[in-house]
């Protein structure tokens, strides 16, 4: 039996769902039929692809090899089909860009710049609080690029399989209401906020741990922490119910003040990632350039950040 693309899709689905029964449901097949098909695929490849037990199905070393190739081939073939369809219908095959992002200042500007540079491009976006989820989607070929942030010098998720470029290094400021007693300061000691309540957005990275360590060094443990969406965080800060940490590029609205933290104990590294063995790698340098330009625009629109950058070297958009 010759190996076909549909066989690779079966292997990928079993790996993604973690079991043959779940994969059968996703693929719309009876479980016995899928099991028989998987056995034929294994015979064609010369070995077992999955170790199966009561906990589910886990790829064997051979299965990992097949999956790594499937994650490159399947997206490439899908892209070929889409471009061929556009060309057959009389249109030029514009490039496709699937970009995922966590909360940050770059995505909007990147999409705008990319659309201006390539009017025929097909651009889609996806968002997630989870940087790990975005990295996984890049590895699986579901996204071409991911924009994420990690604290300090922390390793990016999936850095064994995803190529990451540093777009910028930003300081973390503290967001307070305009009526806060410290609102008129040029910068604030983190320890001066020991009695505050904090509002934070969710995420699966290490930033919570980094904040806890920085607070401990400043001599306190954060009190009440409200975990919620960005809009609610901003509201709680504006009405004086909490303070929040924010990136230097955060665009202020009425009633808010962003204060640098003395000594910059918290930093945020903006990254753009792609799979080095997919077509996305060919355009990665161009996308990184657009991302850096979008970040620079965001920095210039924040007077507090622009003034801070003038006094602090080594931060901002990477040249």
Protein backbone atom coordinates (compact mmCIF):
# COMPACT_ATOMS: atom_id res chain seq x y z
CA UNK A 1 0.00 0.00 0.00
CA UNK A 2 1.33 3.44 -0.94
CA UNK A 3 1.15 6.12 1.71
CA UNK A 4 -1.36 8.87 0.92
CA UNK A 5 -2.21 12.24 2.44
CA UNK A 6 -5.39 10.84 3.96
CA UNK A 7 -3.24 8.37 5.88
CA UNK A 8 -1.20 11.23 7.32
CA UNK A 9 -4.44 12.96 8.35
CA UNK A 10 -5.50 9.81 10.21
CA UNK A 11 -2.19 9.63 12.08
CA UNK A 12 -2.38 13.31 12.95
CA UNK A 13 -5.97 13.04 14.21
CA UNK A 14 -5.17 10.07 16.43
CA UNK A 15 -2.24 12.00 17.92
CA UNK A 16 -4.29 15.17 18.45
CA UNK A 17 -7.26 13.40 20.08
CA UNK A 18 -5.15 10.95 22.08
CA UNK A 19 -7.23 7.89 21.24
CA UNK A 20 -8.48 5.86 18.27
CA UNK A 21 -12.11 6.08 19.42
CA UNK A 22 -12.02 9.89 19.62
CA UNK A 23 -10.25 10.08 16.29
CA UNK A 24 -12.93 7.90 14.72
CA UNK A 25 -15.60 10.32 15.94
CA UNK A 26 -13.73 13.31 14.53
CA UNK A 27 -13.17 11.58 11.18
CA UNK A 28 -16.73 10.22 10.97
CA UNK A 29 -15.59 6.60 10.83
CA UNK A 30 -16.50 3.48 12.78
CA UNK A 31 -13.80 2.61 15.29
CA UNK A 32 -13.14 -0.89 13.85
CA UNK A 33 -12.70 0.62 10.38
CA UNK A 34 -10.25 3.22 11.67
CA UNK A 35 -8.33 0.58 13.66
CA UNK A 36 -8.01 -1.58 10.53
CA UNK A 37 -6.88 1.42 8.50
CA UNK A 38 -4.28 2.33 11.10
CA UNK A 39 -2.90 -1.22 11.05
CA UNK A 40 -2.53 -1.03 7.27
CA UNK A 41 -0.69 2.28 7.60
CA UNK A 42 1.65 0.75 10.20
CA UNK A 43 2.37 -2.21 7.91
CA UNK A 44 3.16 0.17 5.06
CA UNK A 45 5.57 2.12 7.25
CA UNK A 46 7.14 -0.93 8.83
CA UNK A 47 6.36 -0.43 12.50
CA UNK A 48 3.96 0.60 15.25
CA UNK A 49 2.96 4.28 15.28
CA UNK A 50 1.14 4.41 18.62
CA UNK A 51 1.48 2.76 21.99
CA UNK A 52 -2.10 2.05 23.00
CA UNK A 53 -3.35 1.25 26.51
CA UNK A 54 -6.27 2.15 28.81
CA UNK A 55 -5.06 5.77 29.05
CA UNK A 56 -5.14 6.36 25.30
CA UNK A 57 -2.71 6.40 22.38
CA UNK A 58 0.80 7.87 22.53
CA UNK A 59 3.12 8.16 19.51
CA UNK A 60 6.09 5.80 19.35
CA UNK A 61 9.43 7.16 18.03
CA UNK A 62 8.32 6.10 14.54
CA UNK A 63 4.99 7.82 15.13
CA UNK A 64 6.76 11.02 16.18
CA UNK A 65 8.78 10.92 12.95
CA UNK A 66 5.65 10.49 10.82
CA UNK A 67 3.87 13.27 12.73
CA UNK A 68 6.76 15.69 12.26
CA UNK A 69 6.57 15.15 8.50
CA UNK A 70 2.77 15.33 8.45
CA UNK A 71 2.87 18.69 10.24
CA UNK A 72 4.90 20.06 7.35
CA UNK A 73 3.28 18.29 4.39
CA UNK A 74 -0.42 18.69 5.22
CA UNK A 75 -0.39 22.50 5.63
CA UNK A 76 1.77 22.84 2.50
CA UNK A 77 -0.64 20.75 0.43
CA UNK A 78 -3.64 22.68 1.76
CA UNK A 79 -1.95 25.95 0.84
CA UNK A 80 -1.22 24.59 -2.64
CA UNK A 81 -4.88 23.66 -3.10
CA UNK A 82 -6.09 27.10 -2.01
CA UNK A 83 -3.67 28.95 -4.28
CA UNK A 84 -4.50 26.65 -7.20
CA UNK A 85 -8.23 27.26 -6.67
CA UNK A 86 -7.75 31.04 -6.69
CA UNK A 87 -5.65 30.87 -9.83
CA UNK A 88 -8.17 28.58 -11.56
CA UNK A 89 -10.92 31.09 -10.76
CA UNK A 90 -9.03 33.88 -12.47
CA UNK A 91 -7.29 35.44 -9.49
CA UNK A 92 -3.62 35.69 -8.68
CA UNK A 93 -2.61 33.33 -5.88
CA UNK A 94 -2.04 35.82 -3.08
CA UNK A 95 -0.13 34.57 -0.08
CA UNK A 96 -1.97 33.34 2.98
CA UNK A 97 -0.97 34.45 6.46
CA UNK A 98 -2.47 32.82 9.56
CA UNK A 99 -1.32 34.78 12.59
CA UNK A 100 -2.03 33.95 16.21
CA UNK A 101 -1.40 36.30 19.11
CA UNK A 102 -1.68 36.66 22.84
CA UNK A 103 -2.66 40.01 24.31
CA UNK A 104 -0.15 42.59 23.08
CA UNK A 105 0.45 45.78 21.10
CA UNK A 106 1.65 44.35 17.79
CA UNK A 107 -1.07 42.33 16.05
CA UNK A 108 -3.23 45.20 14.77
CA UNK A 109 -0.30 47.11 13.32
CA UNK A 110 1.17 43.96 11.80
CA UNK A 111 -2.06 43.08 10.01
CA UNK A 112 -2.43 46.66 8.74
CA UNK A 113 1.12 46.82 7.40
CA UNK A 114 0.92 43.38 5.84
CA UNK A 115 -2.38 44.18 4.11
CA UNK A 116 -0.91 47.40 2.72
CA UNK A 117 2.20 45.63 1.46
CA UNK A 118 0.26 42.74 -0.08
CA UNK A 119 -3.31 43.77 -0.98
CA UNK A 120 -4.06 40.31 -2.42
CA UNK A 121 -2.91 38.44 0.66
CA UNK A 122 -5.40 36.39 2.66
CA UNK A 123 -4.82 37.27 6.33
CA UNK A 124 -6.55 35.52 9.20
CA UNK A 125 -5.96 35.96 12.92
CA UNK A 126 -6.56 33.99 16.11
CA UNK A 127 -6.11 34.95 19.75
CA UNK A 128 -5.43 32.97 22.91
CA UNK A 129 -4.42 33.66 26.49
CA UNK A 130 -2.18 30.59 26.21
CA UNK A 131 1.25 31.08 24.64
CA UNK A 132 1.69 27.31 24.80
CA UNK A 133 -1.45 26.80 22.73
CA UNK A 134 -0.24 29.27 20.09
CA UNK A 135 3.16 27.57 19.89
CA UNK A 136 1.48 24.17 19.53
CA UNK A 137 -0.69 25.43 16.68
CA UNK A 138 2.43 26.66 14.89
CA UNK A 139 4.05 23.25 15.39
CA UNK A 140 0.92 21.49 14.08
CA UNK A 141 0.68 23.73 11.02
CA UNK A 142 -2.56 25.41 12.12
CA UNK A 143 -0.89 28.82 12.33
CA UNK A 144 1.89 30.27 10.22
CA UNK A 145 3.09 32.75 12.84
CA UNK A 146 2.56 33.41 16.54
CA UNK A 147 3.05 36.69 18.41
CA UNK A 148 3.64 36.11 22.09
CA UNK A 149 5.32 37.66 25.10
CA UNK A 150 7.46 36.02 27.76
CA UNK A 151 8.91 37.57 30.90
CA UNK A 152 12.59 38.45 31.11
CA UNK A 153 14.89 35.87 29.54
CA UNK A 154 12.47 32.96 29.93
CA UNK A 155 12.55 30.37 27.15
CA UNK A 156 9.67 30.50 24.71
CA UNK A 157 7.30 27.50 24.58
CA UNK A 158 8.16 24.89 21.99
CA UNK A 159 11.51 26.48 21.24
CA UNK A 160 12.87 23.09 20.14
CA UNK A 161 10.50 23.09 17.16
CA UNK A 162 9.57 26.76 16.66
CA UNK A 163 11.96 29.47 15.48
CA UNK A 164 11.53 32.63 17.57
CA UNK A 165 12.71 36.15 16.71
CA UNK A 166 12.84 38.87 19.35
CA UNK A 167 10.75 41.85 18.25
CA UNK A 168 11.19 44.04 21.34
CA UNK A 169 12.06 44.14 25.01
CA UNK A 170 9.58 46.21 27.02
CA UNK A 171 9.59 47.33 30.64
CA UNK A 172 6.57 46.47 32.76
CA UNK A 173 4.89 49.54 34.26
CA UNK A 174 2.22 49.77 36.94
CA UNK A 175 -1.17 51.16 35.94
CA UNK A 176 -2.93 53.34 38.53
CA UNK A 177 -5.91 55.66 38.55
CA UNK A 178 -5.35 59.37 37.94
CA UNK A 179 -6.49 59.96 41.52
CA UNK A 180 -4.01 57.54 43.07
CA UNK A 181 -1.64 59.12 45.63
CA UNK A 182 1.37 58.03 43.53
CA UNK A 183 -0.04 59.13 40.16
CA UNK A 184 2.14 62.24 40.01
CA UNK A 185 5.45 60.41 40.54
CA UNK A 186 7.99 59.87 37.73
CA UNK A 187 8.49 56.28 38.90
CA UNK A 188 7.42 54.13 41.81
CA UNK A 189 9.12 51.59 44.08
CA UNK A 190 7.35 48.23 43.82
CA UNK A 191 7.35 48.04 47.62
CA UNK A 192 5.26 51.22 47.78
CA UNK A 193 2.38 49.16 46.34
CA UNK A 194 2.49 46.49 49.04
CA UNK A 195 -1.01 47.23 50.33
CA UNK A 196 -2.67 47.43 46.93
CA UNK A 197 -5.14 45.03 45.37
CA UNK A 198 -4.09 43.81 41.92
CA UNK A 199 -5.95 43.14 38.68
CA UNK A 200 -4.37 40.70 36.22
CA UNK A 201 -5.25 39.01 32.94
CA UNK A 202 -5.01 35.21 32.67
CA UNK A 203 -2.16 33.36 30.99
CA UNK A 204 -0.16 30.15 31.16
CA UNK A 205 3.32 31.67 31.17
CA UNK A 206 5.67 32.36 34.05
CA UNK A 207 4.79 36.03 34.52
CA UNK A 208 2.76 35.36 37.68
CA UNK A 209 5.77 33.66 39.22
CA UNK A 210 8.09 36.47 38.11
CA UNK A 211 5.76 39.03 39.70
CA UNK A 212 5.59 37.03 42.92
CA UNK A 213 9.39 36.86 43.08
CA UNK A 214 9.74 40.61 42.39
CA UNK A 215 7.16 41.38 45.08
CA UNK A 216 8.95 39.12 47.56
CA UNK A 217 12.22 40.94 46.92
CA UNK A 218 10.37 44.21 47.50
CA UNK A 219 9.22 42.85 50.87
CA UNK A 220 5.58 41.90 50.35
CA UNK A 221 3.19 39.25 49.08
CA UNK A 222 0.47 40.53 46.70
CA UNK A 223 -2.89 40.82 48.45
CA UNK A 224 -6.16 40.32 46.57
CA UNK A 225 -5.66 39.47 42.90
CA UNK A 226 -8.57 39.87 40.48
CA UNK A 227 -8.00 37.70 37.40
CA UNK A 228 -10.15 38.95 34.55
CA UNK A 229 -10.17 40.37 31.03
CA UNK A 230 -8.37 43.54 29.96
CA UNK A 231 -11.46 45.75 29.96
CA UNK A 232 -12.37 44.76 33.52
CA UNK A 233 -8.79 45.24 34.71
CA UNK A 234 -8.83 48.76 33.28
CA UNK A 235 -12.19 49.51 34.90
CA UNK A 236 -11.01 48.34 38.33
CA UNK A 237 -7.91 50.50 38.04
CA UNK A 238 -9.81 53.56 36.82
CA UNK A 239 -12.26 53.45 39.75
CA UNK A 240 -9.45 52.90 42.25
CA UNK A 241 -10.31 49.32 43.22
CA UNK A 242 -6.97 47.91 42.06
CA UNK A 243 -3.69 48.59 40.35
CA UNK A 244 -2.36 46.53 37.45
CA UNK A 245 0.85 45.71 35.66
CA UNK A 246 0.98 46.75 32.01
CA UNK A 247 3.42 46.76 29.11
CA UNK A 248 5.18 50.03 28.40
CA UNK A 249 3.29 50.30 25.12
CA UNK A 250 -0.12 50.25 26.85
CA UNK A 251 -2.26 53.01 25.33
CA UNK A 252 -3.67 55.10 28.15
CA UNK A 253 -7.22 56.39 28.26
CA UNK A 254 -8.76 59.05 30.49
CA UNK A 255 -8.37 58.46 34.20
CA UNK A 256 -5.30 56.20 33.93
CA UNK A 257 -1.58 56.75 34.59
CA UNK A 258 1.27 54.35 33.77
CA UNK A 259 4.23 54.58 36.15
CA UNK A 260 7.68 53.04 35.56
CA UNK A 261 8.85 50.77 38.38
CA UNK A 262 12.18 51.73 39.92
CA UNK A 263 14.94 49.40 38.77
CA UNK A 264 12.72 47.73 36.12
CA UNK A 265 12.31 44.46 38.06
CA UNK A 266 9.92 43.09 35.42
CA UNK A 267 10.54 42.92 31.67
CA UNK A 268 8.44 41.61 28.80
CA UNK A 269 10.02 40.12 25.67
CA UNK A 270 7.91 40.34 22.50
CA UNK A 271 8.50 37.37 20.15
CA UNK A 272 7.35 36.21 16.74
CA UNK A 273 7.59 32.50 15.96
CA UNK A 274 7.18 30.18 12.97
CA UNK A 275 7.94 26.58 12.04
CA UNK A 276 11.31 26.53 10.23
CA UNK A 277 10.29 23.67 7.92
CA UNK A 278 7.10 25.21 6.49
CA UNK A 279 6.51 27.79 3.74
CA UNK A 280 6.06 30.41 6.48
CA UNK A 281 9.83 30.36 7.01
CA UNK A 282 10.39 31.88 3.56
CA UNK A 283 8.55 35.07 4.54
CA UNK A 284 9.59 35.16 8.19
CA UNK A 285 12.11 37.99 7.81
CA UNK A 286 9.46 40.18 6.15
CA UNK A 287 6.90 39.44 8.88
CA UNK A 288 9.44 40.15 11.62
CA UNK A 289 10.16 43.51 9.95
CA UNK A 290 6.47 44.41 9.90
CA UNK A 291 6.11 43.31 13.55
CA UNK A 292 9.04 45.52 14.61
CA UNK A 293 7.59 48.50 12.75
CA UNK A 294 4.20 47.90 14.42
CA UNK A 295 5.85 47.78 17.83
CA UNK A 296 7.77 50.97 17.17
CA UNK A 297 4.52 52.71 16.21
CA UNK A 298 2.92 51.52 19.45
CA UNK A 299 5.88 52.80 21.49
CA UNK A 300 5.72 56.23 19.84
CA UNK A 301 2.02 56.50 20.67
CA UNK A 302 2.80 56.15 24.39
CA UNK A 303 4.38 59.38 25.72
CA UNK A 304 5.18 57.73 29.06
CA UNK A 305 7.07 54.95 27.31
CA UNK A 306 8.79 57.25 24.81
CA UNK A 307 10.06 59.45 27.64
CA UNK A 308 11.23 56.40 29.57
CA UNK A 309 13.07 55.00 26.53
CA UNK A 310 14.98 58.26 26.15
CA UNK A 311 16.49 57.65 29.60
CA UNK A 312 16.98 53.87 29.44
CA UNK A 313 19.12 51.99 26.94
CA UNK A 314 18.61 48.40 25.85
CA UNK A 315 14.82 48.45 25.67
CA UNK A 316 12.25 49.02 22.97
CA UNK A 317 12.13 47.66 19.41
CA UNK A 318 15.07 45.43 18.50
CA UNK A 319 17.05 47.06 15.64
